[in-house]
Amino acid sequence: APRLDADPIRLVDTFDWSYSVIGNDGPVLYAVTNRDAPNRKIIAMDVRTRGPAGWRTLVPEGEHVLEGALVAGDRLVARYLEDAKTVVRFFEKDGTPAGRLDPPGIGSIGVSGEPGDPELYYSFTSFTYPPTIFRYDLETGESEVFREPELTFDPGAYETRQVFFTSRDGTRVPMFVTHRKGLALDGDNPAMLYAYGGFNVSLTPGFSSSNIAFL
């Protein structure tokens, strides 16, 4: 029963940093911000203090970019971009680490969930894995397929691994290599090489039927 005639509380009214509220427990808001954290972090904002003095860092900035977060069940779910692939980590609401999601392989993940629910849903795709939706039990940590497309090939016949190279300026560049299992990587196989990166855009694993035909 909110008081709709109450005066609004100003938490942020500048454009110095970005703030994205992902949930709340009463007057405490959970938010993702890049305030003093270029790779982003998760903070708690108490509206009763009306200012940064009442803010707490729950999940500090890490080595990898925090792409997004949400509250599912009674946990914070954080989605990171690590070496051009998605890694999903769980935290208690006080910031204590609570494990990570174990996807079917190296790929790209999208997550959806609601506070108080016993489950969340996530989509997974990779170079040989078409976009598939999984149900994840927050209590047991088990995943099961919820929706998947019909395939005319066996993705289990292929494998993807990640390798790294050093560019001319010293940057560590990740690359994915996908091929049929058992293939001798001796330089005598036809290969298709594609790369892109720029403007804060990364080329992450994704499914392509034309690439499957090539494989």
N, C-alpha and C. Protein backbone atom coordinates (compact mmCIF):
# COMPACT_ATOMS: atom_id res chain seq x y z
N ALA A 1 0.84 -1.19 0.00
CA ALA A 1 0.00 0.00 0.00
C ALA A 1 0.88 1.25 0.00
N PRO A 2 1.52 1.56 -1.11
CA PRO A 2 2.40 2.72 -1.16
C PRO A 2 1.62 4.02 -1.05
N ARG A 3 2.26 5.03 -0.48
CA ARG A 3 1.67 6.37 -0.43
C ARG A 3 1.99 7.07 -1.74
N LEU A 4 1.03 7.09 -2.63
CA LEU A 4 1.27 7.67 -3.94
C LEU A 4 1.38 9.19 -3.90
N ASP A 5 0.95 9.80 -2.80
CA ASP A 5 1.05 11.25 -2.69
C ASP A 5 2.30 11.69 -1.93
N ALA A 6 3.15 10.72 -1.57
CA ALA A 6 4.37 11.06 -0.83
C ALA A 6 5.39 11.72 -1.77
N ASP A 7 6.27 12.52 -1.18
CA ASP A 7 7.33 13.14 -1.96
C ASP A 7 8.33 12.08 -2.41
N PRO A 8 8.79 12.14 -3.67
CA PRO A 8 9.78 11.17 -4.14
C PRO A 8 11.12 11.35 -3.43
N ILE A 9 11.84 10.26 -3.26
CA ILE A 9 13.16 10.28 -2.64
C ILE A 9 14.21 10.26 -3.74
N ARG A 10 15.08 11.24 -3.77
CA ARG A 10 16.13 11.30 -4.78
C ARG A 10 17.32 10.45 -4.32
N LEU A 11 17.56 9.36 -5.03
CA LEU A 11 18.73 8.54 -4.75
C LEU A 11 19.88 8.94 -5.66
N VAL A 12 19.59 9.09 -6.95
CA VAL A 12 20.60 9.46 -7.94
C VAL A 12 19.97 10.49 -8.87
N ASP A 13 20.61 11.62 -9.00
CA ASP A 13 20.07 12.63 -9.92
C ASP A 13 21.18 13.28 -10.76
N THR A 14 22.25 12.50 -10.97
CA THR A 14 23.34 12.96 -11.84
C THR A 14 23.60 11.90 -12.90
N PHE A 15 24.40 12.25 -13.89
CA PHE A 15 24.73 11.32 -14.97
C PHE A 15 26.19 10.89 -14.91
N ASP A 16 26.76 10.90 -13.71
CA ASP A 16 28.16 10.53 -13.55
C ASP A 16 28.38 9.04 -13.73
N TRP A 17 27.44 8.25 -13.24
CA TRP A 17 27.57 6.79 -13.27
C TRP A 17 26.23 6.17 -13.68
N SER A 18 26.27 4.88 -14.01
CA SER A 18 25.03 4.18 -14.34
C SER A 18 24.59 3.33 -13.14
N TYR A 19 23.27 3.24 -12.96
CA TYR A 19 22.69 2.43 -11.90
C TYR A 19 21.50 1.66 -12.48
N SER A 20 21.47 0.36 -12.25
CA SER A 20 20.36 -0.47 -12.71
C SER A 20 19.84 -1.29 -11.53
N VAL A 21 18.64 -0.95 -11.07
CA VAL A 21 18.06 -1.64 -9.91
C VAL A 21 17.54 -3.01 -10.36
N ILE A 22 17.94 -4.06 -9.65
CA ILE A 22 17.56 -5.42 -10.03
C ILE A 22 16.59 -6.06 -9.03
N GLY A 23 16.34 -5.40 -7.91
CA GLY A 23 15.41 -5.97 -6.93
C GLY A 23 15.50 -5.22 -5.62
N ASN A 24 14.73 -5.66 -4.65
CA ASN A 24 14.74 -4.99 -3.35
C ASN A 24 14.23 -5.92 -2.26
N ASP A 25 14.59 -5.60 -1.02
CA ASP A 25 14.00 -6.15 0.19
C ASP A 25 13.55 -4.95 1.00
N GLY A 26 12.28 -4.60 0.92
CA GLY A 26 11.79 -3.42 1.60
C GLY A 26 12.50 -2.18 1.10
N PRO A 27 13.07 -1.39 2.01
CA PRO A 27 13.72 -0.15 1.60
C PRO A 27 15.13 -0.32 1.05
N VAL A 28 15.62 -1.56 0.99
CA VAL A 28 16.97 -1.81 0.48
C VAL A 28 16.88 -2.27 -0.97
N LEU A 29 17.49 -1.48 -1.86
CA LEU A 29 17.49 -1.80 -3.28
C LEU A 29 18.82 -2.46 -3.65
N TYR A 30 18.74 -3.44 -4.55
CA TYR A 30 19.94 -4.06 -5.11
C TYR A 30 20.14 -3.49 -6.50
N ALA A 31 21.37 -3.09 -6.82
CA ALA A 31 21.61 -2.42 -8.09
C ALA A 31 22.99 -2.78 -8.64
N VAL A 32 23.09 -2.75 -9.96
CA VAL A 32 24.37 -2.90 -10.66
C VAL A 32 24.84 -1.50 -11.05
N THR A 33 26.09 -1.20 -10.76
CA THR A 33 26.61 0.13 -11.07
C THR A 33 28.07 0.06 -11.50
N ASN A 34 28.48 1.07 -12.26
CA ASN A 34 29.89 1.20 -12.61
C ASN A 34 30.53 2.34 -11.82
N ARG A 35 29.90 2.76 -10.75
CA ARG A 35 30.46 3.81 -9.89
C ARG A 35 31.77 3.32 -9.28
N ASP A 36 32.87 3.96 -9.65
CA ASP A 36 34.21 3.57 -9.19
C ASP A 36 34.49 2.11 -9.50
N ALA A 37 33.88 1.57 -10.56
CA ALA A 37 34.06 0.16 -10.91
C ALA A 37 33.77 -0.02 -12.41
N PRO A 38 34.76 0.20 -13.27
CA PRO A 38 34.53 0.10 -14.72
C PRO A 38 33.95 -1.24 -15.16
N ASN A 39 34.29 -2.32 -14.46
CA ASN A 39 33.76 -3.65 -14.80
C ASN A 39 32.43 -3.95 -14.10
N ARG A 40 31.92 -2.97 -13.35
CA ARG A 40 30.63 -3.02 -12.65
C ARG A 40 30.66 -3.90 -11.40
N LYS A 41 29.77 -3.58 -10.49
CA LYS A 41 29.65 -4.29 -9.23
C LYS A 41 28.19 -4.25 -8.80
N ILE A 42 27.84 -5.02 -7.76
CA ILE A 42 26.49 -5.03 -7.22
C ILE A 42 26.52 -4.36 -5.85
N ILE A 43 25.61 -3.42 -5.64
CA ILE A 43 25.55 -2.70 -4.37
C ILE A 43 24.15 -2.79 -3.78
N ALA A 44 24.07 -2.47 -2.48
CA ALA A 44 22.79 -2.34 -1.79
C ALA A 44 22.60 -0.87 -1.46
N MET A 45 21.42 -0.32 -1.78
CA MET A 45 21.13 1.10 -1.57
C MET A 45 19.95 1.20 -0.61
N ASP A 46 20.19 1.74 0.57
CA ASP A 46 19.11 1.91 1.55
C ASP A 46 18.46 3.27 1.32
N VAL A 47 17.18 3.26 0.91
CA VAL A 47 16.51 4.52 0.57
C VAL A 47 16.30 5.41 1.80
N ARG A 48 16.41 4.84 2.98
CA ARG A 48 16.19 5.63 4.20
C ARG A 48 17.36 6.58 4.48
N THR A 49 18.52 6.30 3.88
CA THR A 49 19.68 7.17 4.11
C THR A 49 19.77 8.29 3.08
N ARG A 50 19.08 8.11 1.94
CA ARG A 50 19.02 9.13 0.89
C ARG A 50 20.40 9.61 0.44
N GLY A 51 21.30 8.69 0.22
CA GLY A 51 22.62 9.09 -0.28
C GLY A 51 23.62 7.96 -0.22
N PRO A 52 24.76 8.14 -0.87
CA PRO A 52 25.80 7.10 -0.92
C PRO A 52 26.30 6.66 0.44
N ALA A 53 26.09 7.46 1.48
CA ALA A 53 26.57 7.07 2.80
C ALA A 53 25.93 5.76 3.27
N GLY A 54 24.75 5.45 2.77
CA GLY A 54 24.07 4.23 3.18
C GLY A 54 24.18 3.10 2.16
N TRP A 55 25.08 3.25 1.19
CA TRP A 55 25.25 2.21 0.18
C TRP A 55 26.35 1.25 0.61
N ARG A 56 26.16 -0.03 0.26
CA ARG A 56 27.15 -1.06 0.58
C ARG A 56 27.49 -1.85 -0.68
N THR A 57 28.75 -2.18 -0.85
CA THR A 57 29.15 -3.05 -1.95
C THR A 57 28.94 -4.50 -1.53
N LEU A 58 28.10 -5.22 -2.28
CA LEU A 58 27.84 -6.63 -1.99
C LEU A 58 28.75 -7.54 -2.79
N VAL A 59 28.82 -7.32 -4.11
CA VAL A 59 29.70 -8.08 -5.00
C VAL A 59 30.65 -7.09 -5.63
N PRO A 60 31.90 -7.06 -5.19
CA PRO A 60 32.84 -6.05 -5.70
C PRO A 60 33.19 -6.28 -7.17
N GLU A 61 33.75 -5.26 -7.77
CA GLU A 61 34.21 -5.35 -9.15
C GLU A 61 35.26 -6.44 -9.26
N GLY A 62 35.18 -7.22 -10.35
CA GLY A 62 36.15 -8.28 -10.56
C GLY A 62 36.98 -8.04 -11.80
N GLU A 63 37.75 -9.05 -12.15
CA GLU A 63 38.61 -8.97 -13.33
C GLU A 63 37.81 -8.91 -14.62
N HIS A 64 36.64 -9.54 -14.62
CA HIS A 64 35.82 -9.64 -15.83
C HIS A 64 34.59 -8.74 -15.71
N VAL A 65 34.03 -8.39 -16.86
CA VAL A 65 32.90 -7.47 -16.92
C VAL A 65 31.63 -8.15 -16.42
N LEU A 66 30.93 -7.47 -15.54
CA LEU A 66 29.62 -7.92 -15.08
C LEU A 66 28.59 -7.41 -16.10
N GLU A 67 28.07 -8.32 -16.94
CA GLU A 67 27.15 -7.91 -18.01
C GLU A 67 25.77 -7.59 -17.48
N GLY A 68 25.35 -8.28 -16.43
CA GLY A 68 24.02 -8.05 -15.88
C GLY A 68 23.79 -8.92 -14.66
N ALA A 69 22.73 -8.64 -13.93
CA ALA A 69 22.41 -9.41 -12.73
C ALA A 69 20.91 -9.34 -12.47
N LEU A 70 20.43 -10.24 -11.65
CA LEU A 70 19.03 -10.26 -11.25
C LEU A 70 18.91 -10.96 -9.91
N VAL A 71 17.71 -10.87 -9.33
CA VAL A 71 17.41 -11.58 -8.10
C VAL A 71 16.49 -12.74 -8.46
N ALA A 72 16.91 -13.96 -8.14
CA ALA A 72 16.09 -15.15 -8.39
C ALA A 72 16.06 -15.98 -7.11
N GLY A 73 14.87 -16.38 -6.70
CA GLY A 73 14.76 -17.05 -5.41
C GLY A 73 15.17 -16.08 -4.33
N ASP A 74 16.16 -16.46 -3.55
CA ASP A 74 16.71 -15.56 -2.53
C ASP A 74 18.18 -15.28 -2.79
N ARG A 75 18.57 -15.33 -4.06
CA ARG A 75 19.98 -15.14 -4.42
C ARG A 75 20.16 -14.04 -5.45
N LEU A 76 21.38 -13.54 -5.49
CA LEU A 76 21.80 -12.65 -6.56
C LEU A 76 22.44 -13.50 -7.65
N VAL A 77 22.01 -13.30 -8.88
CA VAL A 77 22.54 -14.06 -10.01
C VAL A 77 23.30 -13.09 -10.91
N ALA A 78 24.59 -13.30 -11.04
CA ALA A 78 25.45 -12.38 -11.80
C ALA A 78 25.97 -13.06 -13.06
N ARG A 79 25.87 -12.34 -14.17
CA ARG A 79 26.30 -12.88 -15.47
C ARG A 79 27.53 -12.11 -15.94
N TYR A 80 28.65 -12.82 -16.09
CA TYR A 80 29.92 -12.22 -16.45
C TYR A 80 30.35 -12.62 -17.86
N LEU A 81 31.10 -11.74 -18.50
CA LEU A 81 31.74 -12.05 -19.77
C LEU A 81 33.20 -12.33 -19.50
N GLU A 82 33.59 -13.59 -19.58
CA GLU A 82 34.96 -14.00 -19.32
C GLU A 82 35.58 -14.59 -20.58
N ASP A 83 36.53 -13.87 -21.14
CA ASP A 83 37.22 -14.33 -22.36
C ASP A 83 36.22 -14.68 -23.45
N ALA A 84 35.25 -13.78 -23.68
CA ALA A 84 34.26 -13.87 -24.76
C ALA A 84 33.26 -15.00 -24.57
N LYS A 85 33.13 -15.56 -23.38
CA LYS A 85 32.10 -16.55 -23.07
C LYS A 85 31.41 -16.16 -21.78
N THR A 86 30.19 -16.68 -21.57
CA THR A 86 29.39 -16.30 -20.41
C THR A 86 29.66 -17.23 -19.24
N VAL A 87 29.81 -16.63 -18.06
CA VAL A 87 29.92 -17.37 -16.80
C VAL A 87 28.89 -16.78 -15.84
N VAL A 88 28.06 -17.64 -15.24
CA VAL A 88 27.02 -17.20 -14.31
C VAL A 88 27.39 -17.64 -12.90
N ARG A 89 27.43 -16.67 -11.98
CA ARG A 89 27.78 -16.94 -10.59
C ARG A 89 26.62 -16.56 -9.67
N PHE A 90 26.48 -17.30 -8.57
CA PHE A 90 25.44 -17.04 -7.57
C PHE A 90 26.06 -16.43 -6.31
N PHE A 91 25.30 -15.53 -5.70
CA PHE A 91 25.72 -14.92 -4.45
C PHE A 91 24.53 -14.84 -3.51
N GLU A 92 24.81 -14.99 -2.20
CA GLU A 92 23.77 -14.69 -1.22
C GLU A 92 23.54 -13.18 -1.23
N LYS A 93 22.46 -12.74 -0.61
CA LYS A 93 22.15 -11.32 -0.65
C LYS A 93 23.11 -10.46 0.16
N ASP A 94 23.95 -11.10 0.97
CA ASP A 94 24.98 -10.34 1.67
C ASP A 94 26.30 -10.33 0.90
N GLY A 95 26.27 -10.94 -0.31
CA GLY A 95 27.46 -10.95 -1.15
C GLY A 95 28.31 -12.20 -1.04
N THR A 96 27.94 -13.13 -0.16
CA THR A 96 28.71 -14.37 0.00
C THR A 96 28.59 -15.22 -1.27
N PRO A 97 29.71 -15.68 -1.86
CA PRO A 97 29.64 -16.55 -3.04
C PRO A 97 28.83 -17.81 -2.76
N ALA A 98 27.99 -18.22 -3.74
CA ALA A 98 27.12 -19.39 -3.55
C ALA A 98 27.17 -20.31 -4.76
N GLY A 99 28.34 -20.41 -5.39
CA GLY A 99 28.49 -21.34 -6.50
C GLY A 99 28.30 -20.69 -7.85
N ARG A 100 28.25 -21.53 -8.88
CA ARG A 100 28.09 -21.05 -10.24
C ARG A 100 27.25 -22.01 -11.05
N LEU A 101 26.70 -21.52 -12.14
CA LEU A 101 25.90 -22.34 -13.04
C LEU A 101 26.82 -23.20 -13.89
N ASP A 102 26.45 -24.46 -14.07
CA ASP A 102 27.26 -25.38 -14.87
C ASP A 102 26.53 -25.64 -16.19
N PRO A 103 26.85 -24.88 -17.26
CA PRO A 103 26.15 -25.04 -18.54
C PRO A 103 26.64 -26.27 -19.29
N PRO A 104 26.01 -26.60 -20.42
CA PRO A 104 26.42 -27.79 -21.19
C PRO A 104 27.82 -27.68 -21.79
N GLY A 105 28.37 -26.47 -21.87
CA GLY A 105 29.68 -26.31 -22.46
C GLY A 105 30.06 -24.84 -22.54
N ILE A 106 31.04 -24.52 -23.39
CA ILE A 106 31.45 -23.15 -23.62
C ILE A 106 30.42 -22.48 -24.51
N GLY A 107 29.85 -21.36 -24.05
CA GLY A 107 28.82 -20.73 -24.87
C GLY A 107 28.36 -19.40 -24.32
N SER A 108 27.18 -18.99 -24.79
CA SER A 108 26.55 -17.74 -24.38
C SER A 108 25.27 -18.07 -23.62
N ILE A 109 25.03 -17.34 -22.52
CA ILE A 109 23.93 -17.66 -21.62
C ILE A 109 23.10 -16.41 -21.33
N GLY A 110 21.79 -16.57 -21.35
CA GLY A 110 20.87 -15.54 -20.88
C GLY A 110 20.06 -16.10 -19.73
N VAL A 111 19.79 -15.30 -18.71
CA VAL A 111 19.14 -15.80 -17.49
C VAL A 111 17.87 -15.02 -17.20
N SER A 112 16.85 -15.73 -16.70
CA SER A 112 15.59 -15.09 -16.32
C SER A 112 15.09 -15.73 -15.03
N GLY A 113 14.65 -14.90 -14.09
CA GLY A 113 14.14 -15.43 -12.83
C GLY A 113 13.43 -14.34 -12.04
N GLU A 114 12.75 -14.75 -10.97
CA GLU A 114 12.00 -13.81 -10.14
C GLU A 114 12.31 -14.06 -8.67
N PRO A 115 12.26 -13.00 -7.85
CA PRO A 115 12.48 -13.18 -6.41
C PRO A 115 11.45 -14.14 -5.82
N GLY A 116 11.90 -15.00 -4.95
CA GLY A 116 11.00 -15.92 -4.26
C GLY A 116 10.71 -17.20 -5.01
N ASP A 117 11.03 -17.27 -6.29
CA ASP A 117 10.77 -18.48 -7.06
C ASP A 117 11.78 -19.57 -6.72
N PRO A 118 11.39 -20.84 -6.81
CA PRO A 118 12.32 -21.93 -6.51
C PRO A 118 13.21 -22.30 -7.70
N GLU A 119 13.04 -21.60 -8.80
CA GLU A 119 13.74 -21.96 -10.03
C GLU A 119 14.06 -20.71 -10.84
N LEU A 120 14.96 -20.89 -11.81
CA LEU A 120 15.18 -19.87 -12.81
C LEU A 120 15.31 -20.57 -14.15
N TYR A 121 15.24 -19.80 -15.21
CA TYR A 121 15.38 -20.34 -16.56
C TYR A 121 16.55 -19.66 -17.24
N TYR A 122 17.28 -20.43 -18.03
CA TYR A 122 18.38 -19.83 -18.77
C TYR A 122 18.46 -20.42 -20.18
N SER A 123 18.88 -19.57 -21.10
CA SER A 123 19.08 -20.02 -22.47
C SER A 123 20.57 -20.24 -22.69
N PHE A 124 20.88 -21.26 -23.47
CA PHE A 124 22.28 -21.56 -23.77
C PHE A 124 22.44 -21.83 -25.25
N THR A 125 23.51 -21.30 -25.83
CA THR A 125 23.83 -21.59 -27.22
C THR A 125 25.34 -21.56 -27.39
N SER A 126 25.82 -22.32 -28.36
CA SER A 126 27.24 -22.33 -28.68
C SER A 126 27.38 -22.59 -30.17
N PHE A 127 28.58 -22.83 -30.62
CA PHE A 127 28.82 -23.01 -32.04
C PHE A 127 28.15 -24.27 -32.59
N THR A 128 27.94 -25.28 -31.77
CA THR A 128 27.28 -26.51 -32.22
C THR A 128 26.02 -26.81 -31.43
N TYR A 129 25.60 -25.88 -30.58
CA TYR A 129 24.45 -26.09 -29.71
C TYR A 129 23.41 -25.02 -30.01
N PRO A 130 22.28 -25.38 -30.63
CA PRO A 130 21.27 -24.37 -30.95
C PRO A 130 20.65 -23.79 -29.69
N PRO A 131 20.08 -22.59 -29.75
CA PRO A 131 19.50 -21.96 -28.57
C PRO A 131 18.50 -22.89 -27.86
N THR A 132 18.79 -23.22 -26.62
CA THR A 132 17.99 -24.16 -25.84
C THR A 132 17.69 -23.54 -24.47
N ILE A 133 16.46 -23.71 -23.99
CA ILE A 133 16.06 -23.16 -22.70
C ILE A 133 16.10 -24.27 -21.65
N PHE A 134 16.74 -23.97 -20.52
CA PHE A 134 16.85 -24.92 -19.42
C PHE A 134 16.13 -24.38 -18.18
N ARG A 135 15.60 -25.30 -17.40
CA ARG A 135 15.07 -24.96 -16.07
C ARG A 135 16.11 -25.34 -15.05
N TYR A 136 16.43 -24.43 -14.14
CA TYR A 136 17.45 -24.65 -13.12
C TYR A 136 16.81 -24.61 -11.75
N ASP A 137 16.98 -25.69 -10.98
CA ASP A 137 16.43 -25.78 -9.63
C ASP A 137 17.41 -25.10 -8.67
N LEU A 138 16.97 -24.02 -8.04
CA LEU A 138 17.85 -23.26 -7.16
C LEU A 138 18.20 -24.02 -5.89
N GLU A 139 17.40 -25.00 -5.52
CA GLU A 139 17.65 -25.76 -4.31
C GLU A 139 18.66 -26.88 -4.56
N THR A 140 18.46 -27.63 -5.65
CA THR A 140 19.33 -28.78 -5.92
C THR A 140 20.49 -28.45 -6.84
N GLY A 141 20.38 -27.36 -7.59
CA GLY A 141 21.44 -27.00 -8.54
C GLY A 141 21.41 -27.83 -9.80
N GLU A 142 20.29 -28.50 -10.09
CA GLU A 142 20.19 -29.35 -11.27
C GLU A 142 19.47 -28.62 -12.40
N SER A 143 19.91 -28.89 -13.62
CA SER A 143 19.30 -28.31 -14.82
C SER A 143 18.59 -29.39 -15.61
N GLU A 144 17.50 -29.00 -16.26
CA GLU A 144 16.80 -29.90 -17.17
C GLU A 144 16.31 -29.09 -18.37
N VAL A 145 16.27 -29.73 -19.52
CA VAL A 145 15.83 -29.06 -20.74
C VAL A 145 14.35 -28.71 -20.63
N PHE A 146 14.02 -27.45 -20.91
CA PHE A 146 12.63 -27.00 -20.89
C PHE A 146 12.08 -26.89 -22.31
N ARG A 147 12.85 -26.33 -23.22
CA ARG A 147 12.48 -26.25 -24.63
C ARG A 147 13.75 -26.36 -25.47
N GLU A 148 13.68 -27.16 -26.52
CA GLU A 148 14.82 -27.30 -27.42
C GLU A 148 14.33 -27.52 -28.85
N PRO A 149 15.08 -27.04 -29.84
CA PRO A 149 14.69 -27.24 -31.23
C PRO A 149 15.03 -28.65 -31.70
N GLU A 150 14.37 -29.07 -32.75
CA GLU A 150 14.69 -30.37 -33.34
C GLU A 150 15.90 -30.23 -34.26
N LEU A 151 16.81 -31.18 -34.16
CA LEU A 151 18.04 -31.11 -34.94
C LEU A 151 18.10 -32.25 -35.95
N THR A 152 18.85 -32.02 -37.01
CA THR A 152 19.09 -33.07 -38.01
C THR A 152 20.54 -33.48 -38.01
N PHE A 153 21.26 -33.11 -36.96
CA PHE A 153 22.66 -33.53 -36.83
C PHE A 153 22.93 -33.79 -35.36
N ASP A 154 24.04 -34.45 -35.07
CA ASP A 154 24.40 -34.80 -33.70
C ASP A 154 25.47 -33.84 -33.19
N PRO A 155 25.10 -32.90 -32.30
CA PRO A 155 26.10 -31.96 -31.79
C PRO A 155 27.18 -32.64 -30.97
N GLY A 156 26.87 -33.85 -30.46
CA GLY A 156 27.86 -34.58 -29.68
C GLY A 156 29.04 -35.06 -30.49
N ALA A 157 28.93 -34.98 -31.82
CA ALA A 157 30.03 -35.42 -32.68
C ALA A 157 31.09 -34.34 -32.84
N TYR A 158 30.85 -33.16 -32.26
CA TYR A 158 31.78 -32.04 -32.42
C TYR A 158 32.24 -31.55 -31.05
N GLU A 159 33.31 -30.81 -31.04
CA GLU A 159 33.81 -30.24 -29.80
C GLU A 159 34.33 -28.83 -30.05
N THR A 160 34.28 -28.02 -28.99
CA THR A 160 34.80 -26.66 -29.04
C THR A 160 35.76 -26.48 -27.89
N ARG A 161 36.90 -25.91 -28.18
CA ARG A 161 37.85 -25.58 -27.12
C ARG A 161 38.31 -24.15 -27.32
N GLN A 162 38.88 -23.59 -26.27
CA GLN A 162 39.33 -22.22 -26.33
C GLN A 162 40.84 -22.15 -26.21
N VAL A 163 41.43 -21.35 -27.08
CA VAL A 163 42.88 -21.14 -27.06
C VAL A 163 43.13 -19.64 -26.99
N PHE A 164 44.36 -19.26 -26.71
CA PHE A 164 44.71 -17.85 -26.57
C PHE A 164 45.97 -17.52 -27.35
N PHE A 165 45.98 -16.31 -27.88
CA PHE A 165 47.14 -15.82 -28.61
C PHE A 165 47.47 -14.41 -28.12
N THR A 166 48.71 -14.01 -28.28
CA THR A 166 49.13 -12.67 -27.89
C THR A 166 49.27 -11.80 -29.13
N SER A 167 48.56 -10.69 -29.15
CA SER A 167 48.62 -9.80 -30.30
C SER A 167 49.90 -8.98 -30.27
N ARG A 168 50.11 -8.20 -31.31
CA ARG A 168 51.34 -7.44 -31.45
C ARG A 168 51.55 -6.45 -30.30
N ASP A 169 50.43 -5.93 -29.77
CA ASP A 169 50.57 -4.96 -28.68
C ASP A 169 50.53 -5.61 -27.30
N GLY A 170 50.56 -6.95 -27.26
CA GLY A 170 50.63 -7.66 -26.00
C GLY A 170 49.28 -8.09 -25.44
N THR A 171 48.19 -7.76 -26.13
CA THR A 171 46.86 -8.14 -25.64
C THR A 171 46.64 -9.65 -25.77
N ARG A 172 46.07 -10.25 -24.74
CA ARG A 172 45.76 -11.69 -24.76
C ARG A 172 44.40 -11.87 -25.44
N VAL A 173 44.40 -12.49 -26.60
CA VAL A 173 43.20 -12.61 -27.43
C VAL A 173 42.67 -14.04 -27.37
N PRO A 174 41.39 -14.23 -26.99
CA PRO A 174 40.82 -15.57 -26.98
C PRO A 174 40.30 -15.98 -28.36
N MET A 175 40.37 -17.26 -28.65
CA MET A 175 39.82 -17.79 -29.90
C MET A 175 39.21 -19.15 -29.62
N PHE A 176 38.08 -19.43 -30.28
CA PHE A 176 37.41 -20.73 -30.16
C PHE A 176 37.72 -21.57 -31.39
N VAL A 177 37.99 -22.85 -31.17
CA VAL A 177 38.23 -23.79 -32.26
C VAL A 177 37.18 -24.89 -32.17
N THR A 178 36.36 -25.04 -33.21
CA THR A 178 35.31 -26.05 -33.25
C THR A 178 35.59 -27.02 -34.39
N HIS A 179 35.50 -28.30 -34.11
CA HIS A 179 35.78 -29.31 -35.13
C HIS A 179 35.17 -30.64 -34.74
N ARG A 180 35.15 -31.56 -35.68
CA ARG A 180 34.64 -32.90 -35.40
C ARG A 180 35.59 -33.60 -34.44
N LYS A 181 35.03 -34.32 -33.49
CA LYS A 181 35.85 -35.03 -32.53
C LYS A 181 36.76 -36.04 -33.23
N GLY A 182 37.99 -36.10 -32.81
CA GLY A 182 38.93 -37.03 -33.40
C GLY A 182 39.69 -36.49 -34.59
N LEU A 183 39.33 -35.27 -35.03
CA LEU A 183 40.01 -34.68 -36.18
C LEU A 183 41.44 -34.32 -35.81
N ALA A 184 42.39 -34.71 -36.65
CA ALA A 184 43.79 -34.38 -36.40
C ALA A 184 44.04 -32.93 -36.81
N LEU A 185 44.39 -32.11 -35.86
CA LEU A 185 44.65 -30.68 -36.14
C LEU A 185 46.09 -30.53 -36.58
N ASP A 186 46.33 -30.94 -37.84
CA ASP A 186 47.70 -30.96 -38.36
C ASP A 186 47.95 -29.92 -39.44
N GLY A 187 46.98 -29.01 -39.65
CA GLY A 187 47.16 -27.96 -40.65
C GLY A 187 46.71 -28.35 -42.04
N ASP A 188 46.20 -29.56 -42.23
CA ASP A 188 45.78 -30.02 -43.55
C ASP A 188 44.26 -29.96 -43.75
N ASN A 189 43.52 -29.41 -42.79
CA ASN A 189 42.06 -29.37 -42.88
C ASN A 189 41.59 -27.99 -43.33
N PRO A 190 40.54 -27.94 -44.16
CA PRO A 190 39.94 -26.64 -44.49
C PRO A 190 39.45 -25.97 -43.21
N ALA A 191 39.66 -24.68 -43.12
CA ALA A 191 39.25 -23.95 -41.91
C ALA A 191 38.64 -22.61 -42.30
N MET A 192 37.63 -22.20 -41.55
CA MET A 192 37.03 -20.89 -41.74
C MET A 192 37.33 -20.05 -40.50
N LEU A 193 37.96 -18.91 -40.70
CA LEU A 193 38.35 -18.04 -39.60
C LEU A 193 37.58 -16.74 -39.68
N TYR A 194 36.96 -16.35 -38.56
CA TYR A 194 36.22 -15.09 -38.53
C TYR A 194 36.46 -14.43 -37.17
N ALA A 195 36.56 -13.11 -37.19
CA ALA A 195 36.81 -12.40 -35.94
C ALA A 195 36.17 -11.02 -36.00
N TYR A 196 35.80 -10.54 -34.83
CA TYR A 196 35.29 -9.17 -34.72
C TYR A 196 35.41 -8.74 -33.27
N GLY A 197 35.64 -7.49 -33.06
CA GLY A 197 35.66 -6.94 -31.71
C GLY A 197 35.87 -5.44 -31.78
N GLY A 198 35.03 -4.70 -31.13
CA GLY A 198 35.18 -3.25 -31.14
C GLY A 198 33.93 -2.58 -30.62
N PHE A 199 34.07 -1.31 -30.20
CA PHE A 199 32.92 -0.50 -29.77
C PHE A 199 32.16 -1.17 -28.61
N ASN A 200 32.92 -1.86 -27.73
CA ASN A 200 32.33 -2.55 -26.59
C ASN A 200 31.42 -3.71 -27.01
N VAL A 201 31.72 -4.29 -28.16
CA VAL A 201 30.96 -5.43 -28.67
C VAL A 201 31.91 -6.62 -28.82
N SER A 202 31.54 -7.76 -28.25
CA SER A 202 32.35 -8.96 -28.35
C SER A 202 31.64 -10.00 -29.20
N LEU A 203 32.41 -10.78 -29.92
CA LEU A 203 31.86 -11.88 -30.71
C LEU A 203 31.83 -13.12 -29.83
N THR A 204 30.66 -13.43 -29.29
CA THR A 204 30.52 -14.56 -28.37
C THR A 204 29.99 -15.79 -29.09
N PRO A 205 30.11 -16.99 -28.52
CA PRO A 205 29.65 -18.21 -29.17
C PRO A 205 28.18 -18.14 -29.54
N GLY A 206 27.85 -18.56 -30.75
CA GLY A 206 26.47 -18.58 -31.22
C GLY A 206 26.29 -19.64 -32.28
N PHE A 207 25.06 -20.08 -32.45
CA PHE A 207 24.76 -21.17 -33.38
C PHE A 207 24.53 -20.64 -34.77
N SER A 208 25.04 -21.34 -35.77
CA SER A 208 24.85 -20.98 -37.18
C SER A 208 24.69 -22.26 -37.98
N SER A 209 23.55 -22.39 -38.68
CA SER A 209 23.31 -23.59 -39.48
C SER A 209 24.30 -23.68 -40.64
N SER A 210 24.72 -22.54 -41.19
CA SER A 210 25.69 -22.58 -42.28
C SER A 210 27.05 -23.05 -41.79
N ASN A 211 27.41 -22.68 -40.56
CA ASN A 211 28.66 -23.20 -40.02
C ASN A 211 28.58 -24.71 -39.80
N ILE A 212 27.41 -25.18 -39.39
CA ILE A 212 27.23 -26.63 -39.20
C ILE A 212 27.41 -27.35 -40.53
N ALA A 213 26.88 -26.78 -41.60
CA ALA A 213 27.03 -27.39 -42.93
C ALA A 213 28.51 -27.45 -43.31
N PHE A 214 29.23 -26.39 -42.96
CA PHE A 214 30.67 -26.38 -43.26
C PHE A 214 31.39 -27.47 -42.46
N LEU A 215 31.02 -27.60 -41.19
CA LEU A 215 31.65 -28.64 -40.36
C LEU A 215 31.36 -30.04 -40.91
